[in-house]
Amino acid sequence: QVQLVESGGGLVKPGGSLRLSCAASGSIFIIYAMGWYRQAPGKQRELVATITSGGSTNYADSVKGRFTISRDNAKNTVYLQMNSLKPEDTAVYFCNANLATEPGRWANYWGQGTQVTVSS
């Protein structure tokens, strides 16, 4: 059993900042990549940022220069620092982890989502 638990969402004014956290727990052998996705009302879920166990990162063009993803491998935790937030960043943010529960047994896992609302 694997759980991803997100925290840090909320309501913020345009131009403000938020920091999301996601901790993975349970029967984990190894985690390769962790990341954040978001889904706005009426839209498909989209990638925000990912980070590998080696620290390689990938960002959506819409968040480059404003968001920073980081990771604490010892704590199986991924963070998303969001600065200069815009109303169009409003969405439910989901944590994702690509991990193995035993050697060779890989799967994708998702958190329950945390709401981020950017509004004045």
C-alpha atoms as a PDB file:
ATOM      1  CA  GLN A   1       0.000   0.000   0.000  1.00  0.00           C
ATOM      2  CA  VAL A   2       1.368   3.399  -1.049  1.00  0.00           C
ATOM      3  CA  GLN A   3       0.005   6.791  -0.067  1.00  0.00           C
ATOM      4  CA  LEU A   4       0.786  10.243  -1.406  1.00  0.00           C
ATOM      5  CA  VAL A   5      -0.378  13.028   0.893  1.00  0.00           C
ATOM      6  CA  GLU A   6      -0.363  16.622  -0.353  1.00  0.00           C
ATOM      7  CA  SER A   7      -0.509  19.787   1.691  1.00  0.00           C
ATOM      8  CA  GLY A   8      -0.057  23.510   1.259  1.00  0.00           C
ATOM      9  CA  GLY A   9      -2.879  24.544  -1.035  1.00  0.00           C
ATOM     10  CA  GLY A  10      -5.140  27.489  -0.366  1.00  0.00           C
ATOM     11  CA  LEU A  11      -6.325  30.903  -1.462  1.00  0.00           C
ATOM     12  CA  VAL A  12      -3.769  33.503  -2.493  1.00  0.00           C
ATOM     13  CA  LYS A  13      -3.889  36.870  -4.260  1.00  0.00           C
ATOM     14  CA  PRO A  14      -2.356  37.370  -7.695  1.00  0.00           C
ATOM     15  CA  GLY A  15       1.375  37.835  -7.376  1.00  0.00           C
ATOM     16  CA  GLY A  16       1.493  35.826  -4.173  1.00  0.00           C
ATOM     17  CA  SER A  17       3.266  32.586  -3.320  1.00  0.00           C
ATOM     18  CA  LEU A  18       2.408  29.131  -2.072  1.00  0.00           C
ATOM     19  CA  ARG A  19       4.456  26.039  -1.323  1.00  0.00           C
ATOM     20  CA  LEU A  20       3.003  22.594  -1.889  1.00  0.00           C
ATOM     21  CA  SER A  21       4.367  19.449  -0.273  1.00  0.00           C
ATOM     22  CA  CYS A  22       3.746  15.804  -1.034  1.00  0.00           C
ATOM     23  CA  ALA A  23       4.999  12.935   1.096  1.00  0.00           C
ATOM     24  CA  ALA A  24       5.007   9.356  -0.145  1.00  0.00           C
ATOM     25  CA  SER A  25       4.690   6.572   2.392  1.00  0.00           C
ATOM     26  CA  GLY A  26       4.002   2.864   2.592  1.00  0.00           C
ATOM     27  CA  SER A  27       5.602  -0.127   0.958  1.00  0.00           C
ATOM     28  CA  ILE A  28       8.148   1.716  -1.194  1.00  0.00           C
ATOM     29  CA  PHE A  29      11.248   0.072  -2.600  1.00  0.00           C
ATOM     30  CA  ILE A  30      12.484   2.975  -4.699  1.00  0.00           C
ATOM     31  CA  ILE A  31      11.069   6.155  -6.243  1.00  0.00           C
ATOM     32  CA  TYR A  32      12.217   7.284  -9.667  1.00  0.00           C
ATOM     33  CA  ALA A  33      10.315  10.433 -10.585  1.00  0.00           C
ATOM     34  CA  MET A  34       7.956  12.626  -8.629  1.00  0.00           C
ATOM     35  CA  GLY A  35       5.942  15.487  -9.949  1.00  0.00           C
ATOM     36  CA  TRP A  36       2.987  17.811  -9.906  1.00  0.00           C
ATOM     37  CA  TYR A  37       0.043  17.972 -12.269  1.00  0.00           C
ATOM     38  CA  ARG A  38      -2.983  20.241 -12.181  1.00  0.00           C
ATOM     39  CA  GLN A  39      -6.534  20.217 -13.396  1.00  0.00           C
ATOM     40  CA  ALA A  40      -8.689  23.303 -13.783  1.00  0.00           C
ATOM     41  CA  PRO A  41     -12.491  23.080 -14.056  1.00  0.00           C
ATOM     42  CA  GLY A  42     -13.515  21.864 -17.487  1.00  0.00           C
ATOM     43  CA  LYS A  43      -9.939  21.158 -18.539  1.00  0.00           C
ATOM     44  CA  GLN A  44      -7.726  18.112 -18.802  1.00  0.00           C
ATOM     45  CA  ARG A  45      -5.083  17.316 -16.230  1.00  0.00           C
ATOM     46  CA  GLU A  46      -1.757  18.808 -17.301  1.00  0.00           C
ATOM     47  CA  LEU A  47       1.850  18.459 -16.257  1.00  0.00           C
ATOM     48  CA  VAL A  48       3.257  21.246 -14.093  1.00  0.00           C
ATOM     49  CA  ALA A  49       6.717  19.960 -13.168  1.00  0.00           C
ATOM     50  CA  THR A  50       8.614  16.732 -12.569  1.00  0.00           C
ATOM     51  CA  ILE A  51      11.882  15.804 -10.909  1.00  0.00           C
ATOM     52  CA  THR A  52      13.862  12.581 -11.059  1.00  0.00           C
ATOM     53  CA  SER A  53      15.752  10.920  -8.242  1.00  0.00           C
ATOM     54  CA  GLY A  54      18.918  12.401  -9.738  1.00  0.00           C
ATOM     55  CA  GLY A  55      17.509  15.908  -9.663  1.00  0.00           C
ATOM     56  CA  SER A  56      16.667  16.441 -13.339  1.00  0.00           C
ATOM     57  CA  THR A  57      13.674  18.721 -13.703  1.00  0.00           C
ATOM     58  CA  ASN A  58      11.060  19.432 -16.335  1.00  0.00           C
ATOM     59  CA  TYR A  59       8.554  22.304 -16.324  1.00  0.00           C
ATOM     60  CA  ALA A  60       5.513  23.308 -18.299  1.00  0.00           C
ATOM     61  CA  ASP A  61       6.231  26.446 -20.318  1.00  0.00           C
ATOM     62  CA  SER A  62       3.456  28.287 -18.485  1.00  0.00           C
ATOM     63  CA  VAL A  63       5.238  27.991 -15.116  1.00  0.00           C
ATOM     64  CA  LYS A  64       8.910  28.296 -16.082  1.00  0.00           C
ATOM     65  CA  GLY A  65      10.625  31.001 -14.096  1.00  0.00           C
ATOM     66  CA  ARG A  66       7.827  31.152 -11.521  1.00  0.00           C
ATOM     67  CA  PHE A  67       7.613  27.636 -10.069  1.00  0.00           C
ATOM     68  CA  THR A  68      10.413  25.539  -8.612  1.00  0.00           C
ATOM     69  CA  ILE A  69      10.212  21.810  -7.928  1.00  0.00           C
ATOM     70  CA  SER A  70      12.505  20.188  -5.397  1.00  0.00           C
ATOM     71  CA  ARG A  71      12.781  16.886  -3.632  1.00  0.00           C
ATOM     72  CA  ASP A  72      14.044  15.334  -0.409  1.00  0.00           C
ATOM     73  CA  ASN A  73      14.867  11.739  -1.310  1.00  0.00           C
ATOM     74  CA  ALA A  74      15.474  10.760   2.313  1.00  0.00           C
ATOM     75  CA  LYS A  75      11.940  11.830   3.197  1.00  0.00           C
ATOM     76  CA  ASN A  76      10.288  10.658  -0.044  1.00  0.00           C
ATOM     77  CA  THR A  77       8.893  14.171  -0.324  1.00  0.00           C
ATOM     78  CA  VAL A  78       8.504  16.533  -3.255  1.00  0.00           C
ATOM     79  CA  TYR A  79       7.854  20.262  -3.041  1.00  0.00           C
ATOM     80  CA  LEU A  80       6.516  22.871  -5.419  1.00  0.00           C
ATOM     81  CA  GLN A  81       7.368  26.499  -4.686  1.00  0.00           C
ATOM     82  CA  MET A  82       4.955  28.676  -6.611  1.00  0.00           C
ATOM     83  CA  ASN A  83       5.745  32.376  -6.970  1.00  0.00           C
ATOM     84  CA  SER A  84       4.138  35.190  -8.951  1.00  0.00           C
ATOM     85  CA  LEU A  85       0.887  33.278  -9.008  1.00  0.00           C
ATOM     86  CA  LYS A  86      -1.716  34.168 -11.610  1.00  0.00           C
ATOM     87  CA  PRO A  87      -5.467  33.538 -11.705  1.00  0.00           C
ATOM     88  CA  GLU A  88      -4.876  31.011 -14.478  1.00  0.00           C
ATOM     89  CA  ASP A  89      -2.861  28.910 -12.016  1.00  0.00           C
ATOM     90  CA  THR A  90      -6.105  28.156 -10.196  1.00  0.00           C
ATOM     91  CA  ALA A  91      -6.628  24.386 -10.226  1.00  0.00           C
ATOM     92  CA  VAL A  92      -6.524  21.225  -8.186  1.00  0.00           C
ATOM     93  CA  TYR A  93      -2.874  20.205  -7.931  1.00  0.00           C
ATOM     94  CA  PHE A  94      -2.068  16.502  -7.850  1.00  0.00           C
ATOM     95  CA  CYS A  95       1.134  14.846  -6.722  1.00  0.00           C
ATOM     96  CA  ASN A  96       2.449  11.934  -8.780  1.00  0.00           C
ATOM     97  CA  ALA A  97       5.154   9.371  -8.105  1.00  0.00           C
ATOM     98  CA  ASN A  98       6.640   6.719 -10.376  1.00  0.00           C
ATOM     99  CA  LEU A  99       7.894   4.098  -7.963  1.00  0.00           C
ATOM    100  CA  ALA A 100       8.532   0.438  -7.324  1.00  0.00           C
ATOM    101  CA  THR A 101       7.099  -1.442  -4.358  1.00  0.00           C
ATOM    102  CA  GLU A 102       9.574  -4.250  -5.021  1.00  0.00           C
ATOM    103  CA  PRO A 103      12.350  -4.746  -7.610  1.00  0.00           C
ATOM    104  CA  GLY A 104      10.858  -4.455 -11.084  1.00  0.00           C
ATOM    105  CA  ARG A 105       7.331  -3.739  -9.894  1.00  0.00           C
ATOM    106  CA  TRP A 106       6.811  -0.151 -11.123  1.00  0.00           C
ATOM    107  CA  ALA A 107       3.612   1.850 -11.117  1.00  0.00           C
ATOM    108  CA  ASN A 108       2.297   5.418 -11.043  1.00  0.00           C
ATOM    109  CA  TYR A 109       0.617   6.680  -7.909  1.00  0.00           C
ATOM    110  CA  TRP A 110      -1.463   9.804  -7.341  1.00  0.00           C
ATOM    111  CA  GLY A 111      -2.342  11.945  -4.371  1.00  0.00           C
ATOM    112  CA  GLN A 112      -5.855  13.100  -3.602  1.00  0.00           C
ATOM    113  CA  GLY A 113      -5.243  16.636  -4.820  1.00  0.00           C
ATOM    114  CA  THR A 114      -5.040  20.034  -3.156  1.00  0.00           C
ATOM    115  CA  GLN A 115      -6.919  23.138  -4.277  1.00  0.00           C
ATOM    116  CA  VAL A 116      -4.993  26.247  -5.252  1.00  0.00           C
ATOM    117  CA  THR A 117      -7.081  29.353  -5.878  1.00  0.00           C
ATOM    118  CA  VAL A 118      -5.542  32.599  -7.083  1.00  0.00           C
ATOM    119  CA  SER A 119      -7.992  35.447  -6.763  1.00  0.00           C
ATOM    120  CA  SER A 120      -8.164  39.011  -5.517  1.00  0.00           C
END
